PDB file of N, CA and C in Angstrom:
ATOM      1  N   ALA A   1      88.564-180.493  42.317  1.00  0.00           N
ATOM      2  CA  ALA A   1      89.046-179.894  43.554  1.00  0.00           C
ATOM      3  C   ALA A   1      88.140-178.714  43.923  1.00  0.00           C
ATOM      4  N   ALA A   2      88.327-178.208  45.098  1.00  0.00           N
ATOM      5  CA  ALA A   2      87.507-177.092  45.575  1.00  0.00           C
ATOM      6  C   ALA A   2      87.619-175.903  44.631  1.00  0.00           C
ATOM      7  N   GLY A   3      86.573-175.109  44.576  1.00  0.00           N
ATOM      8  CA  GLY A   3      86.570-173.910  43.759  1.00  0.00           C
ATOM      9  C   GLY A   3      86.471-174.163  42.273  1.00  0.00           C
ATOM     10  N   GLY A   4      86.138-175.383  41.882  1.00  0.00           N
ATOM     11  CA  GLY A   4      86.014-175.705  40.469  1.00  0.00           C
ATOM     12  C   GLY A   4      87.325-175.991  39.766  1.00  0.00           C
ATOM     13  N   PHE A   5      88.427-176.026  40.504  1.00  0.00           N
ATOM     14  CA  PHE A   5      89.727-176.325  39.901  1.00  0.00           C
ATOM     15  C   PHE A   5      89.751-177.764  39.417  1.00  0.00           C
ATOM     16  N   THR A   6      90.289-177.964  38.235  1.00  0.00           N
ATOM     17  CA  THR A   6      90.473-179.314  37.707  1.00  0.00           C
ATOM     18  C   THR A   6      91.874-179.439  37.135  1.00  0.00           C
ATOM     19  N   THR A   7      92.369-180.637  37.086  1.00  0.00           N
ATOM     20  CA  THR A   7      93.604-180.933  36.372  1.00  0.00           C
ATOM     21  C   THR A   7      93.442-182.295  35.734  1.00  0.00           C
ATOM     22  N   ASN A   8      94.192-182.515  34.683  1.00  0.00           N
ATOM     23  CA  ASN A   8      94.137-183.810  34.014  1.00  0.00           C
ATOM     24  C   ASN A   8      95.480-184.506  34.179  1.00  0.00           C
ATOM     25  N   LEU A   9      95.431-185.809  34.229  1.00  0.00           N
ATOM     26  CA  LEU A   9      96.639-186.590  34.460  1.00  0.00           C
ATOM     27  C   LEU A   9      96.460-187.953  33.812  1.00  0.00           C
ATOM     28  N   PRO A  10      97.362-188.329  32.904  1.00  0.00           N
ATOM     29  CA  PRO A  10      97.251-189.664  32.320  1.00  0.00           C
ATOM     30  C   PRO A  10      97.337-190.740  33.405  1.00  0.00           C
ATOM     31  N   LEU A  11      96.615-191.816  33.207  1.00  0.00           N
ATOM     32  CA  LEU A  11      96.585-192.894  34.192  1.00  0.00           C
ATOM     33  C   LEU A  11      97.980-193.414  34.499  1.00  0.00           C
ATOM     34  N   LYS A  12      98.855-193.501  33.492  1.00  0.00           N
ATOM     35  CA  LYS A  12     100.214-194.004  33.724  1.00  0.00           C
ATOM     36  C   LYS A  12     100.977-193.105  34.701  1.00  0.00           C
ATOM     37  N   ASP A  13     100.714-191.805  34.674  1.00  0.00           N
ATOM     38  CA  ASP A  13     101.349-190.893  35.631  1.00  0.00           C
ATOM     39  C   ASP A  13     100.708-191.018  37.006  1.00  0.00           C
ATOM     40  N   PHE A  14      99.383-191.109  37.043  1.00  0.00           N
ATOM     41  CA  PHE A  14      98.654-191.218  38.310  1.00  0.00           C
ATOM     42  C   PHE A  14      99.046-192.473  39.090  1.00  0.00           C
ATOM     43  N   LEU A  15      99.354-193.555  38.390  1.00  0.00           N
ATOM     44  CA  LEU A  15      99.653-194.834  39.041  1.00  0.00           C
ATOM     45  C   LEU A  15     101.119-195.019  39.410  1.00  0.00           C
ATOM     46  N   ARG A  16     101.964-194.039  39.163  1.00  0.00           N
ATOM     47  CA  ARG A  16     103.380-194.154  39.539  1.00  0.00           C
ATOM     48  C   ARG A  16     103.515-194.286  41.055  1.00  0.00           C
ATOM     49  N   GLU A  17     104.559-194.970  41.485  1.00  0.00           N
ATOM     50  CA  GLU A  17     104.774-195.197  42.923  1.00  0.00           C
ATOM     51  C   GLU A  17     105.016-193.916  43.702  1.00  0.00           C
ATOM     52  N   ASP A  18     105.532-192.865  43.065  1.00  0.00           N
ATOM     53  CA  ASP A  18     105.838-191.629  43.786  1.00  0.00           C
ATOM     54  C   ASP A  18     104.671-190.640  43.829  1.00  0.00           C
ATOM     55  N   VAL A  19     103.562-190.962  43.197  1.00  0.00           N
ATOM     56  CA  VAL A  19     102.370-190.100  43.231  1.00  0.00           C
ATOM     57  C   VAL A  19     101.513-190.507  44.426  1.00  0.00           C
ATOM     58  N   ILE A  20     101.103-189.522  45.208  1.00  0.00           N
ATOM     59  CA  ILE A  20     100.322-189.849  46.411  1.00  0.00           C
ATOM     60  C   ILE A  20      99.112-188.929  46.557  1.00  0.00           C
ATOM     61  N   LEU A  21      98.114-189.446  47.231  1.00  0.00           N
ATOM     62  CA  LEU A  21      97.002-188.645  47.726  1.00  0.00           C
ATOM     63  C   LEU A  21      97.275-188.467  49.214  1.00  0.00           C
ATOM     64  N   ALA A  22      97.670-187.273  49.604  1.00  0.00           N
ATOM     65  CA  ALA A  22      98.079-187.018  50.984  1.00  0.00           C
ATOM     66  C   ALA A  22      96.913-186.525  51.823  1.00  0.00           C
ATOM     67  N   MET A  23      96.786-187.091  53.016  1.00  0.00           N
ATOM     68  CA  MET A  23      95.785-186.656  53.984  1.00  0.00           C
ATOM     69  C   MET A  23      96.433-186.330  55.324  1.00  0.00           C
ATOM     70  N   VAL A  24      97.718-186.672  55.431  1.00  0.00           N
ATOM     71  CA  VAL A  24      98.464-186.510  56.674  1.00  0.00           C
ATOM     72  C   VAL A  24      99.822-185.900  56.351  1.00  0.00           C
ATOM     73  N   LYS A  25     100.291-185.005  57.232  1.00  0.00           N
ATOM     74  CA  LYS A  25     101.626-184.427  57.113  1.00  0.00           C
ATOM     75  C   LYS A  25     102.274-184.470  58.486  1.00  0.00           C
ATOM     76  N   ASP A  26     103.392-185.143  58.578  1.00  0.00           N
ATOM     77  CA  ASP A  26     104.113-185.273  59.847  1.00  0.00           C
ATOM     78  C   ASP A  26     103.225-185.825  60.957  1.00  0.00           C
ATOM     79  N   GLY A  27     102.356-186.764  60.618  1.00  0.00           N
ATOM     80  CA  GLY A  27     101.498-187.416  61.601  1.00  0.00           C
ATOM     81  C   GLY A  27     100.225-186.670  61.948  1.00  0.00           C
ATOM     82  N   ASP A  28     100.046-185.479  61.390  1.00  0.00           N
ATOM     83  CA  ASP A  28      98.848-184.679  61.665  1.00  0.00           C
ATOM     84  C   ASP A  28      97.975-184.601  60.416  1.00  0.00           C
ATOM     85  N   VAL A  29      96.682-184.367  60.628  1.00  0.00           N
ATOM     86  CA  VAL A  29      95.762-184.186  59.509  1.00  0.00           C
ATOM     87  C   VAL A  29      96.259-183.030  58.649  1.00  0.00           C
ATOM     88  N   LEU A  30      96.236-183.196  57.347  1.00  0.00           N
ATOM     89  CA  LEU A  30      96.682-182.162  56.419  1.00  0.00           C
ATOM     90  C   LEU A  30      95.731-180.970  56.483  1.00  0.00           C
ATOM     91  N   GLU A  31      96.269-179.822  56.867  1.00  0.00           N
ATOM     92  CA  GLU A  31      95.452-178.617  57.018  1.00  0.00           C
ATOM     93  C   GLU A  31      95.148-177.983  55.663  1.00  0.00           C
ATOM     94  N   ALA A  32      94.082-177.199  55.620  1.00  0.00           N
ATOM     95  CA  ALA A  32      93.638-176.553  54.378  1.00  0.00           C
ATOM     96  C   ALA A  32      94.729-175.687  53.755  1.00  0.00           C
ATOM     97  N   GLU A  33      95.519-175.012  54.569  1.00  0.00           N
ATOM     98  CA  GLU A  33      96.563-174.143  54.015  1.00  0.00           C
ATOM     99  C   GLU A  33      97.615-174.926  53.232  1.00  0.00           C
ATOM    100  N   HIS A  34      97.689-176.232  53.462  1.00  0.00           N
ATOM    101  CA  HIS A  34      98.619-177.099  52.739  1.00  0.00           C
ATOM    102  C   HIS A  34      97.904-177.975  51.715  1.00  0.00           C
ATOM    103  N   GLY A  35      96.624-177.699  51.461  1.00  0.00           N
ATOM    104  CA  GLY A  35      95.883-178.442  50.449  1.00  0.00           C
ATOM    105  C   GLY A  35      94.948-179.488  50.989  1.00  0.00           C
ATOM    106  N   GLY A  36      94.825-179.600  52.324  1.00  0.00           N
ATOM    107  CA  GLY A  36      93.952-180.595  52.928  1.00  0.00           C
ATOM    108  C   GLY A  36      92.490-180.253  52.771  1.00  0.00           C
ATOM    109  N   PRO A  37      91.640-181.200  52.969  1.00  0.00           N
ATOM    110  CA  PRO A  37      91.887-182.481  53.626  1.00  0.00           C
ATOM    111  C   PRO A  37      92.595-183.521  52.751  1.00  0.00           C
ATOM    112  N   VAL A  38      92.543-183.382  51.414  1.00  0.00           N
ATOM    113  CA  VAL A  38      93.237-184.328  50.534  1.00  0.00           C
ATOM    114  C   VAL A  38      93.961-183.541  49.449  1.00  0.00           C
ATOM    115  N   ARG A  39      95.243-183.853  49.282  1.00  0.00           N
ATOM    116  CA  ARG A  39      96.045-183.194  48.252  1.00  0.00           C
ATOM    117  C   ARG A  39      96.713-184.250  47.383  1.00  0.00           C
ATOM    118  N   LEU A  40      96.651-184.045  46.085  1.00  0.00           N
ATOM    119  CA  LEU A  40      97.349-184.904  45.131  1.00  0.00           C
ATOM    120  C   LEU A  40      98.759-184.363  44.955  1.00  0.00           C
ATOM    121  N   ILE A  41      99.749-185.233  45.088  1.00  0.00           N
ATOM    122  CA  ILE A  41     101.140-184.827  44.905  1.00  0.00           C
ATOM    123  C   ILE A  41     101.721-185.644  43.757  1.00  0.00           C
ATOM    124  N   VAL A  42     102.137-184.925  42.710  1.00  0.00           N
ATOM    125  CA  VAL A  42     102.707-185.536  41.508  1.00  0.00           C
ATOM    126  C   VAL A  42     104.111-184.951  41.345  1.00  0.00           C
ATOM    127  N   PRO A  43     105.114-185.528  42.028  1.00  0.00           N
ATOM    128  CA  PRO A  43     106.432-184.897  42.084  1.00  0.00           C
ATOM    129  C   PRO A  43     107.193-184.822  40.767  1.00  0.00           C
ATOM    130  N   HIS A  44     106.848-185.635  39.797  1.00  0.00           N
ATOM    131  CA  HIS A  44     107.612-185.639  38.546  1.00  0.00           C
ATOM    132  C   HIS A  44     107.061-184.679  37.491  1.00  0.00           C
ATOM    133  N   LEU A  45     105.981-183.956  37.815  1.00  0.00           N
ATOM    134  CA  LEU A  45     105.412-182.992  36.871  1.00  0.00           C
ATOM    135  C   LEU A  45     105.332-181.608  37.517  1.00  0.00           C
ATOM    136  N   TYR A  46     105.102-180.587  36.695  1.00  0.00           N
ATOM    137  CA  TYR A  46     104.983-179.228  37.222  1.00  0.00           C
ATOM    138  C   TYR A  46     103.870-179.129  38.259  1.00  0.00           C
ATOM    139  N   PHE A  47     103.972-178.114  39.114  1.00  0.00           N
ATOM    140  CA  PHE A  47     103.111-177.954  40.292  1.00  0.00           C
ATOM    141  C   PHE A  47     101.621-177.965  39.994  1.00  0.00           C
ATOM    142  N   TRP A  48     101.206-177.469  38.823  1.00  0.00           N
ATOM    143  CA  TRP A  48      99.761-177.378  38.559  1.00  0.00           C
ATOM    144  C   TRP A  48      99.103-178.743  38.405  1.00  0.00           C
ATOM    145  N   LYS A  49      99.886-179.813  38.333  1.00  0.00           N
ATOM    146  CA  LYS A  49      99.332-181.168  38.281  1.00  0.00           C
ATOM    147  C   LYS A  49      99.068-181.711  39.686  1.00  0.00           C
ATOM    148  N   SER A  50      99.631-181.075  40.701  1.00  0.00           N
ATOM    149  CA  SER A  50      99.464-181.503  42.099  1.00  0.00           C
ATOM    150  C   SER A  50      98.322-180.711  42.729  1.00  0.00           C
ATOM    151  N   ALA A  51      97.115-181.180  42.543  1.00  0.00           N
ATOM    152  CA  ALA A  51      95.924-180.453  42.978  1.00  0.00           C
ATOM    153  C   ALA A  51      95.776-180.433  44.494  1.00  0.00           C
ATOM    154  N   LYS A  52      95.429-179.271  45.021  1.00  0.00           N
ATOM    155  CA  LYS A  52      95.082-179.125  46.435  1.00  0.00           C
ATOM    156  C   LYS A  52      93.575-179.272  46.589  1.00  0.00           C
ATOM    157  N   TRP A  53      93.138-179.557  47.794  1.00  0.00           N
ATOM    158  CA  TRP A  53      91.717-179.597  48.171  1.00  0.00           C
ATOM    159  C   TRP A  53      90.901-180.540  47.275  1.00  0.00           C
ATOM    160  N   VAL A  54      91.444-181.725  47.023  1.00  0.00           N
ATOM    161  CA  VAL A  54      90.796-182.697  46.135  1.00  0.00           C
ATOM    162  C   VAL A  54      89.445-183.107  46.707  1.00  0.00           C
ATOM    163  N   THR A  55      88.421-183.034  45.878  1.00  0.00           N
ATOM    164  CA  THR A  55      87.073-183.443  46.299  1.00  0.00           C
ATOM    165  C   THR A  55      86.589-184.669  45.542  1.00  0.00           C
ATOM    166  N   GLY A  56      87.306-185.057  44.495  1.00  0.00           N
ATOM    167  CA  GLY A  56      86.917-186.237  43.728  1.00  0.00           C
ATOM    168  C   GLY A  56      87.908-186.517  42.620  1.00  0.00           C
ATOM    169  N   ILE A  57      87.837-187.725  42.112  1.00  0.00           N
ATOM    170  CA  ILE A  57      88.669-188.146  40.985  1.00  0.00           C
ATOM    171  C   ILE A  57      87.744-188.775  39.956  1.00  0.00           C
ATOM    172  N   GLU A  58      87.876-188.331  38.731  1.00  0.00           N
ATOM    173  CA  GLU A  58      87.035-188.848  37.648  1.00  0.00           C
ATOM    174  C   GLU A  58      87.933-189.500  36.599  1.00  0.00           C
ATOM    175  N   PHE A  59      87.644-190.746  36.269  1.00  0.00           N
ATOM    176  CA  PHE A  59      88.376-191.451  35.226  1.00  0.00           C
ATOM    177  C   PHE A  59      87.571-191.349  33.939  1.00  0.00           C
ATOM    178  N   VAL A  60      88.193-190.831  32.886  1.00  0.00           N
ATOM    179  CA  VAL A  60      87.500-190.632  31.611  1.00  0.00           C
ATOM    180  C   VAL A  60      88.292-191.289  30.487  1.00  0.00           C
ATOM    181  N   GLU A  61      87.596-191.639  29.430  1.00  0.00           N
ATOM    182  CA  GLU A  61      88.250-192.275  28.290  1.00  0.00           C
ATOM    183  C   GLU A  61      89.039-191.280  27.447  1.00  0.00           C
ATOM    184  N   LYS A  62      88.541-190.053  27.348  1.00  0.00           N
ATOM    185  CA  LYS A  62      89.165-189.051  26.493  1.00  0.00           C
ATOM    186  C   LYS A  62      89.692-187.903  27.350  1.00  0.00           C
ATOM    187  N   ASP A  63      90.871-187.419  27.014  1.00  0.00           N
ATOM    188  CA  ASP A  63      91.505-186.345  27.774  1.00  0.00           C
ATOM    189  C   ASP A  63      90.622-185.097  27.824  1.00  0.00           C
ATOM    190  N   GLN A  64      90.559-184.491  29.015  1.00  0.00           N
ATOM    191  CA  GLN A  64      89.833-183.242  29.215  1.00  0.00           C
ATOM    192  C   GLN A  64      90.781-182.259  29.891  1.00  0.00           C
ATOM    193  N   PRO A  65      91.243-181.237  29.178  1.00  0.00           N
ATOM    194  CA  PRO A  65      92.174-180.287  29.782  1.00  0.00           C
ATOM    195  C   PRO A  65      91.609-179.673  31.057  1.00  0.00           C
ATOM    196  N   GLY A  66      92.483-179.462  32.024  1.00  0.00           N
ATOM    197  CA  GLY A  66      92.089-178.869  33.291  1.00  0.00           C
ATOM    198  C   GLY A  66      92.196-177.348  33.269  1.00  0.00           C
ATOM    199  N   PHE A  67      92.086-176.745  34.427  1.00  0.00           N
ATOM    200  CA  PHE A  67      92.082-175.288  34.588  1.00  0.00           C
ATOM    201  C   PHE A  67      93.305-174.634  33.942  1.00  0.00           C
ATOM    202  N   TRP A  68      94.508-175.050  34.333  1.00  0.00           N
ATOM    203  CA  TRP A  68      95.726-174.423  33.816  1.00  0.00           C
ATOM    204  C   TRP A  68      95.996-174.805  32.370  1.00  0.00           C
ATOM    205  N   GLU A  69      95.623-176.001  31.990  1.00  0.00           N
ATOM    206  CA  GLU A  69      95.813-176.425  30.601  1.00  0.00           C
ATOM    207  C   GLU A  69      94.952-175.580  29.660  1.00  0.00           C
ATOM    208  N   LYS A  70      93.745-175.257  30.085  1.00  0.00           N
ATOM    209  CA  LYS A  70      92.873-174.388  29.286  1.00  0.00           C
ATOM    210  C   LYS A  70      93.436-172.970  29.190  1.00  0.00           C
ATOM    211  N   ALA A  71      94.259-172.584  30.154  1.00  0.00           N
ATOM    212  CA  ALA A  71      94.864-171.245  30.168  1.00  0.00           C
ATOM    213  C   ALA A  71      96.176-171.194  29.383  1.00  0.00           C
ATOM    214  N   GLY A  72      96.560-172.303  28.737  1.00  0.00           N
ATOM    215  CA  GLY A  72      97.752-172.292  27.894  1.00  0.00           C
ATOM    216  C   GLY A  72      98.954-173.019  28.449  1.00  0.00           C
ATOM    217  N   TYR A  73      98.814-173.613  29.620  1.00  0.00           N
ATOM    218  CA  TYR A  73      99.928-174.392  30.155  1.00  0.00           C
ATOM    219  C   TYR A  73      99.950-175.768  29.504  1.00  0.00           C
ATOM    220  N   HIS A  74     101.123-176.379  29.485  1.00  0.00           N
ATOM    221  CA  HIS A  74     101.311-177.648  28.781  1.00  0.00           C
ATOM    222  C   HIS A  74     100.401-178.726  29.348  1.00  0.00           C
ATOM    223  N   ASN A  75      99.898-179.572  28.494  1.00  0.00           N
ATOM    224  CA  ASN A  75      98.967-180.619  28.900  1.00  0.00           C
ATOM    225  C   ASN A  75      99.626-181.687  29.769  1.00  0.00           C
ATOM    226  N   HIS A  76     100.919-181.931  29.592  1.00  0.00           N
ATOM    227  CA  HIS A  76     101.600-182.954  30.396  1.00  0.00           C
ATOM    228  C   HIS A  76     102.399-182.314  31.524  1.00  0.00           C
ATOM    229  N   GLY A  77     103.276-181.366  31.224  1.00  0.00           N
ATOM    230  CA  GLY A  77     103.966-180.607  32.262  1.00  0.00           C
ATOM    231  C   GLY A  77     105.202-181.244  32.860  1.00  0.00           C
ATOM    232  N   ASP A  78     106.058-181.831  32.037  1.00  0.00           N
ATOM    233  CA  ASP A  78     107.306-182.435  32.531  1.00  0.00           C
ATOM    234  C   ASP A  78     108.373-181.344  32.651  1.00  0.00           C
ATOM    235  N   PRO A  79     108.814-181.014  33.884  1.00  0.00           N
ATOM    236  CA  PRO A  79     109.789-179.935  34.046  1.00  0.00           C
ATOM    237  C   PRO A  79     111.170-180.281  33.502  1.00  0.00           C
ATOM    238  N   TRP A  80     111.498-181.548  33.397  1.00  0.00           N
ATOM    239  CA  TRP A  80     112.833-181.961  32.950  1.00  0.00           C
ATOM    240  C   TRP A  80     113.022-181.734  31.455  1.00  0.00           C
ATOM    241  N   ILE A  81     111.917-181.587  30.714  1.00  0.00           N
ATOM    242  CA  ILE A  81     112.036-181.287  29.284  1.00  0.00           C
ATOM    243  C   ILE A  81     111.304-179.982  28.944  1.00  0.00           C
ATOM    244  N   GLU A  82     111.137-179.132  29.958  1.00  0.00           N
ATOM    245  CA  GLU A  82     110.566-177.783  29.801  1.00  0.00           C
ATOM    246  C   GLU A  82     109.181-177.762  29.168  1.00  0.00           C
ATOM    247  N   GLU A  83     108.312-178.666  29.590  1.00  0.00           N
ATOM    248  CA  GLU A  83     106.929-178.654  29.111  1.00  0.00           C
ATOM    249  C   GLU A  83     106.095-177.694  29.963  1.00  0.00           C
ATOM    250  N   ARG A  84     106.443-176.428  29.913  1.00  0.00           N
ATOM    251  CA  ARG A  84     105.744-175.446  30.733  1.00  0.00           C
ATOM    252  C   ARG A  84     104.491-174.910  30.048  1.00  0.00           C
ATOM    253  N   PHE A  85     104.619-174.538  28.784  1.00  0.00           N
ATOM    254  CA  PHE A  85     103.491-173.965  28.057  1.00  0.00           C
ATOM    255  C   PHE A  85     103.067-174.882  26.923  1.00  0.00           C
ATOM    256  N   SER A  86     101.804-174.766  26.520  1.00  0.00           N
ATOM    257  CA  SER A  86     101.341-175.525  25.361  1.00  0.00           C
ATOM    258  C   SER A  86     102.172-175.082  24.163  1.00  0.00           C
ATOM    259  N   PRO A  87     102.336-175.942  23.156  1.00  0.00           N
ATOM    260  CA  PRO A  87     103.135-175.545  21.987  1.00  0.00           C
ATOM    261  C   PRO A  87     102.660-174.228  21.362  1.00  0.00           C
ATOM    262  N   GLU A  88     101.345-174.020  21.300  1.00  0.00           N
ATOM    263  CA  GLU A  88     100.807-172.781  20.730  1.00  0.00           C
ATOM    264  C   GLU A  88     101.195-171.571  21.573  1.00  0.00           C
ATOM    265  N   ARG A  89     101.055-171.682  22.887  1.00  0.00           N
ATOM    266  CA  ARG A  89     101.392-170.550  23.759  1.00  0.00           C
ATOM    267  C   ARG A  89     102.894-170.291  23.750  1.00  0.00           C
ATOM    268  N   ALA A  90     103.706-171.343  23.678  1.00  0.00           N
ATOM    269  CA  ALA A  90     105.157-171.171  23.631  1.00  0.00           C
ATOM    270  C   ALA A  90     105.557-170.387  22.379  1.00  0.00           C
ATOM    271  N   ARG A  91     104.923-170.679  21.251  1.00  0.00           N
ATOM    272  CA  ARG A  91     105.208-169.932  20.016  1.00  0.00           C
ATOM    273  C   ARG A  91     104.839-168.458  20.194  1.00  0.00           C
ATOM    274  N   GLN A  92     103.718-168.186  20.834  1.00  0.00           N
ATOM    275  CA  GLN A  92     103.291-166.806  21.058  1.00  0.00           C
ATOM    276  C   GLN A  92     104.281-166.072  21.948  1.00  0.00           C
ATOM    277  N   LYS A  93     104.774-166.736  22.994  1.00  0.00           N
ATOM    278  CA  LYS A  93     105.728-166.108  23.911  1.00  0.00           C
ATOM    279  C   LYS A  93     107.048-165.828  23.202  1.00  0.00           C
ATOM    280  N   ASN A  94     107.471-166.719  22.307  1.00  0.00           N
ATOM    281  CA  ASN A  94     108.727-166.530  21.582  1.00  0.00           C
ATOM    282  C   ASN A  94     108.646-165.382  20.582  1.00  0.00           C
ATOM    283  N   LYS A  95     107.454-165.083  20.078  1.00  0.00           N
ATOM    284  CA  LYS A  95     107.270-163.978  19.136  1.00  0.00           C
ATOM    285  C   LYS A  95     107.298-162.632  19.846  1.00  0.00           C
ATOM    286  N   ALA A  96     106.951-162.614  21.124  1.00  0.00           N
ATOM    287  CA  ALA A  96     106.850-161.355  21.878  1.00  0.00           C
ATOM    288  C   ALA A  96     108.206-160.768  22.200  1.00  0.00           C
TER     289      ALA A  96
END
C-alpha cells in the first residue's frame, strides 16, 4: 500500500466471500480519504488487516509479517477471540 504500509493475510481469509477490494463507494469512485483508489476490506479481522491505498498484492509461499504485525500486533487479528496483540506483546502488557 502507499507509504510502504504492508499487511499479511492468509489466502483462506483473502478468498472469503465477505472480503472485497473496494474502488467504489455509493456509486462514486472511492476517494483517498476513504482509502481509495483501492481499499482492501476484511470485515472479519481487526482493522489493520483492511489496507487503504492498495498499490499491489503479492502472493508468497512463506508468511511475511506486515507493518502492524512487526510492531507487536497479532499476526491473524480475529477480534472475536481477542487476537489483538502478538502472544509476546500480550505477556509484556500483562506484566505492566
